[in-house]
Amino acid sequence: MNAKLLCLTLVTAAVVAGISWSPLNANEPPPDATAFQLMKEGNKYVGEQSKDKVVQVRAEKSIGTTVPNIWYVVYYDHTATLKSVEVKFAAGKMVSVERPLRLLEPIFGGSEPSNPAKLKVDSDEAIRTALKEPLLAKLKVVATAPKLEDSEMGPVWRVRLWALKLNDPATDVNIGEVVISPDTGEVIKRDLHIARVD
């Protein structure tokens, strides 16, 4: 199959699947990119000393969907005063690279990179797992804010959730979080406060 026909085949398949894709942006992460996709993308914007040395990934509260599109990937950087460099993404695009001027909360032992072998469950799967919690069955969960960080149990996903109030469906409220293992995908802890929707 020649290159022209292959390109046409891929574009046609993408259109049929409802995916917006073109050869010009095929190597860029999509607007709803996952944490792991952005961890790889962030390597383009940090020095050699930081590539693949992720110490934290966190998202801002999602808007209009349960899939966040504002993410921060923090890499270990021994040349920085606070040993970290942070890459911010919006809708899959890099918008800033900064060396934080304040110490972030303790992450992976302070500034040690995560162990890639322990990171098997991406943010999209962590969100789906959190949303399947039985306590949420009768609630309208409208937003999430996942964070991959270290804990006394090792690396964990903390998926914070917001649901609509029952007596004011125009207002959402923080109902707590579900803690998930990025290694096994199992729920480690539930800290949910569904009474807040009353």
Protein backbone atom coordinates (compact mmCIF):
# COMPACT_ATOMS: atom_id res chain seq x y z
CA MET A 1 0.00 0.00 0.00
CA ASN A 2 1.53 3.34 -1.04
CA ALA A 3 1.77 6.30 1.36
CA LYS A 4 -1.06 8.25 -0.26
CA LEU A 5 -3.50 5.34 -0.04
CA LEU A 6 -2.45 4.59 3.55
CA CYS A 7 -3.06 8.21 4.57
CA LEU A 8 -6.50 8.19 2.89
CA THR A 9 -7.37 4.92 4.64
CA LEU A 10 -6.40 6.28 8.06
CA VAL A 11 -8.33 9.52 7.58
CA THR A 12 -11.41 7.62 6.37
CA ALA A 13 -11.24 5.29 9.38
CA ALA A 14 -10.97 8.27 11.70
CA VAL A 15 -14.00 9.99 10.13
CA VAL A 16 -16.08 6.80 10.38
CA ALA A 17 -15.09 6.52 14.05
CA GLY A 18 -16.00 10.15 14.66
CA ILE A 19 -12.42 11.15 15.44
CA SER A 20 -10.95 14.44 14.28
CA TRP A 21 -7.54 13.54 12.93
CA SER A 22 -5.15 14.75 10.28
CA PRO A 23 -1.56 13.92 9.32
CA LEU A 24 -0.55 17.39 10.54
CA ASN A 25 -1.51 16.70 14.16
CA ALA A 26 -1.12 12.93 14.27
CA ASN A 27 1.83 13.18 16.69
CA GLU A 28 0.15 15.65 19.05
CA PRO A 29 -1.97 14.57 22.04
CA PRO A 30 -5.74 15.00 21.62
CA PRO A 31 -7.67 17.69 23.56
CA ASP A 32 -8.84 15.04 26.05
CA ALA A 33 -5.36 13.54 26.45
CA THR A 34 -4.80 11.28 29.44
CA ALA A 35 -2.20 11.83 32.15
CA PHE A 36 0.14 9.20 30.72
CA GLN A 37 -0.04 10.75 27.24
CA LEU A 38 0.84 14.15 28.68
CA MET A 39 3.67 12.71 30.77
CA LYS A 40 5.29 11.59 27.51
CA GLU A 41 4.46 14.84 25.73
CA GLY A 42 5.96 16.85 28.58
CA ASN A 43 9.38 15.30 27.92
CA LYS A 44 9.63 17.63 24.90
CA TYR A 45 9.65 20.69 27.15
CA VAL A 46 12.06 19.73 29.92
CA GLY A 47 15.81 19.20 30.05
CA GLU A 48 17.49 15.83 29.59
CA GLN A 49 17.98 15.62 33.36
CA SER A 50 14.18 15.57 33.84
CA LYS A 51 12.82 13.40 31.02
CA ASP A 52 10.58 10.58 32.29
CA LYS A 53 11.24 11.59 35.91
CA VAL A 54 7.65 12.42 36.83
CA VAL A 55 6.97 13.18 40.48
CA GLN A 56 3.34 14.33 40.25
CA VAL A 57 0.47 14.71 37.78
CA ARG A 58 -2.66 16.65 38.67
CA ALA A 59 -5.69 18.10 36.90
CA GLU A 60 -7.84 21.12 37.58
CA LYS A 61 -11.53 20.49 38.16
CA SER A 62 -13.12 19.50 34.86
CA ILE A 63 -15.77 21.75 33.33
CA GLY A 64 -18.83 20.47 31.47
CA THR A 65 -17.55 16.90 31.54
CA THR A 66 -15.94 14.41 33.90
CA VAL A 67 -12.76 14.45 31.79
CA PRO A 68 -10.35 17.25 32.77
CA ASN A 69 -8.42 19.14 30.10
CA ILE A 70 -6.16 21.32 32.28
CA TRP A 71 -3.23 19.28 33.57
CA TYR A 72 0.09 19.87 35.35
CA VAL A 73 2.97 17.41 35.02
CA VAL A 74 5.78 17.87 37.53
CA TYR A 75 9.22 16.43 36.78
CA TYR A 76 12.24 15.99 39.02
CA ASP A 77 14.99 18.50 38.18
CA HIS A 78 18.13 18.41 40.30
CA THR A 79 19.25 21.74 38.81
CA ALA A 80 16.22 23.64 40.16
CA THR A 81 16.14 25.20 43.63
CA LEU A 82 13.09 23.18 44.63
CA LYS A 83 14.11 20.19 42.50
CA SER A 84 11.13 20.36 40.14
CA VAL A 85 9.92 21.70 36.80
CA GLU A 86 6.21 21.90 35.97
CA VAL A 87 4.62 21.67 32.51
CA LYS A 88 1.03 22.91 32.15
CA PHE A 89 -1.25 21.59 29.41
CA ALA A 90 -4.62 22.92 28.24
CA ALA A 91 -6.66 20.77 25.84
CA GLY A 92 -3.57 18.72 25.04
CA LYS A 93 -1.40 21.74 24.25
CA MET A 94 1.56 22.93 26.29
CA VAL A 95 0.85 26.42 27.66
CA SER A 96 3.69 26.98 30.13
CA VAL A 97 6.85 25.52 31.64
CA GLU A 98 7.80 26.77 35.09
CA ARG A 99 10.07 25.98 37.98
CA PRO A 100 7.70 26.32 40.95
CA LEU A 101 8.61 29.11 43.37
CA ARG A 102 7.00 27.33 46.30
CA LEU A 103 7.37 23.80 47.59
CA LEU A 104 4.55 21.57 46.44
CA GLU A 105 2.98 19.18 48.93
CA PRO A 106 5.24 16.18 49.58
CA ILE A 107 5.24 14.06 46.45
CA PHE A 108 6.96 10.74 45.89
CA GLY A 109 9.16 11.19 48.92
CA GLY A 110 9.52 14.92 48.31
CA SER A 111 11.08 15.02 44.89
CA GLU A 112 11.92 11.48 43.86
CA PRO A 113 10.61 10.32 40.46
CA SER A 114 7.84 7.75 40.32
CA ASN A 115 8.56 4.14 39.42
CA PRO A 116 7.16 3.60 35.89
CA ALA A 117 6.67 -0.10 36.65
CA LYS A 118 4.01 0.87 39.20
CA LEU A 119 2.08 3.10 36.79
CA LYS A 120 -0.23 0.87 34.75
CA VAL A 121 -3.63 2.54 35.23
CA ASP A 122 -4.05 5.81 33.33
CA SER A 123 -6.24 8.73 34.40
CA ASP A 124 -9.18 7.78 32.16
CA GLU A 125 -9.42 4.33 33.73
CA ALA A 126 -9.03 5.79 37.23
CA ILE A 127 -11.94 8.17 36.56
CA ARG A 128 -14.13 5.34 35.23
CA THR A 129 -13.34 3.25 38.32
CA ALA A 130 -14.23 6.11 40.66
CA LEU A 131 -17.52 6.78 38.87
CA LYS A 132 -18.56 3.14 39.28
CA GLU A 133 -18.67 3.44 43.07
CA PRO A 134 -22.09 2.15 44.27
CA LEU A 135 -22.59 5.19 46.53
CA LEU A 136 -22.66 7.39 43.42
CA ALA A 137 -25.36 5.41 41.61
CA LYS A 138 -28.15 7.92 42.30
CA LEU A 139 -26.04 11.04 42.02
CA LYS A 140 -25.24 13.17 38.99
CA VAL A 141 -21.45 13.43 39.07
CA VAL A 142 -20.46 16.31 36.83
CA ALA A 143 -16.76 16.94 37.43
CA THR A 144 -13.53 15.28 38.52
CA ALA A 145 -9.99 16.31 39.41
CA PRO A 146 -7.57 13.37 39.40
CA LYS A 147 -4.13 13.58 40.98
CA LEU A 148 -1.32 11.03 40.83
CA GLU A 149 0.88 11.36 43.89
CA ASP A 150 2.82 9.42 46.47
CA SER A 151 1.40 8.24 49.78
CA GLU A 152 2.31 5.92 52.62
CA MET A 153 0.97 3.16 50.35
CA GLY A 154 3.12 4.20 47.39
CA PRO A 155 1.82 5.94 44.24
CA VAL A 156 -1.96 6.47 44.18
CA TRP A 157 -4.63 8.12 42.08
CA ARG A 158 -6.82 10.47 44.11
CA VAL A 159 -9.94 11.20 42.07
CA ARG A 160 -11.88 14.13 43.56
CA LEU A 161 -15.55 14.28 42.56
CA TRP A 162 -18.29 16.91 42.28
CA ALA A 163 -22.03 16.14 42.04
CA LEU A 164 -25.14 18.26 41.51
CA LYS A 165 -27.09 19.26 44.62
CA LEU A 166 -30.54 17.62 44.82
CA ASN A 167 -32.39 20.81 45.73
CA ASP A 168 -30.36 23.05 43.41
CA PRO A 169 -29.38 21.21 40.22
CA ALA A 170 -27.57 24.30 38.94
CA THR A 171 -24.98 23.94 41.72
CA ASP A 172 -22.37 21.26 42.17
CA VAL A 173 -20.63 20.32 45.40
CA ASN A 174 -17.41 18.52 46.28
CA ILE A 175 -18.39 15.06 47.55
CA GLY A 176 -14.92 13.73 48.35
CA GLU A 177 -12.55 11.37 46.62
CA VAL A 178 -11.82 7.79 45.65
CA VAL A 179 -8.24 6.53 46.02
CA ILE A 180 -7.13 4.01 43.39
CA SER A 181 -3.96 2.00 42.87
CA PRO A 182 -2.22 2.96 39.60
CA ASP A 183 -0.61 -0.47 39.67
CA THR A 184 -3.65 -2.76 40.02
CA GLY A 185 -6.60 -0.43 39.40
CA GLU A 186 -8.20 -1.48 42.68
CA VAL A 187 -9.97 0.98 44.96
CA ILE A 188 -7.80 1.48 48.04
CA LYS A 189 -9.95 3.96 49.94
CA ARG A 190 -13.29 5.75 49.68
CA ASP A 191 -13.72 9.15 51.29
CA LEU A 192 -17.16 10.11 49.98
CA HIS A 193 -19.64 12.51 51.59
CA ILE A 194 -22.83 12.13 49.57
CA ALA A 195 -24.92 13.93 52.21
CA ARG A 196 -23.43 17.14 50.85
CA VAL A 197 -25.81 16.99 47.87
CA ASP A 198 -28.88 17.43 50.12
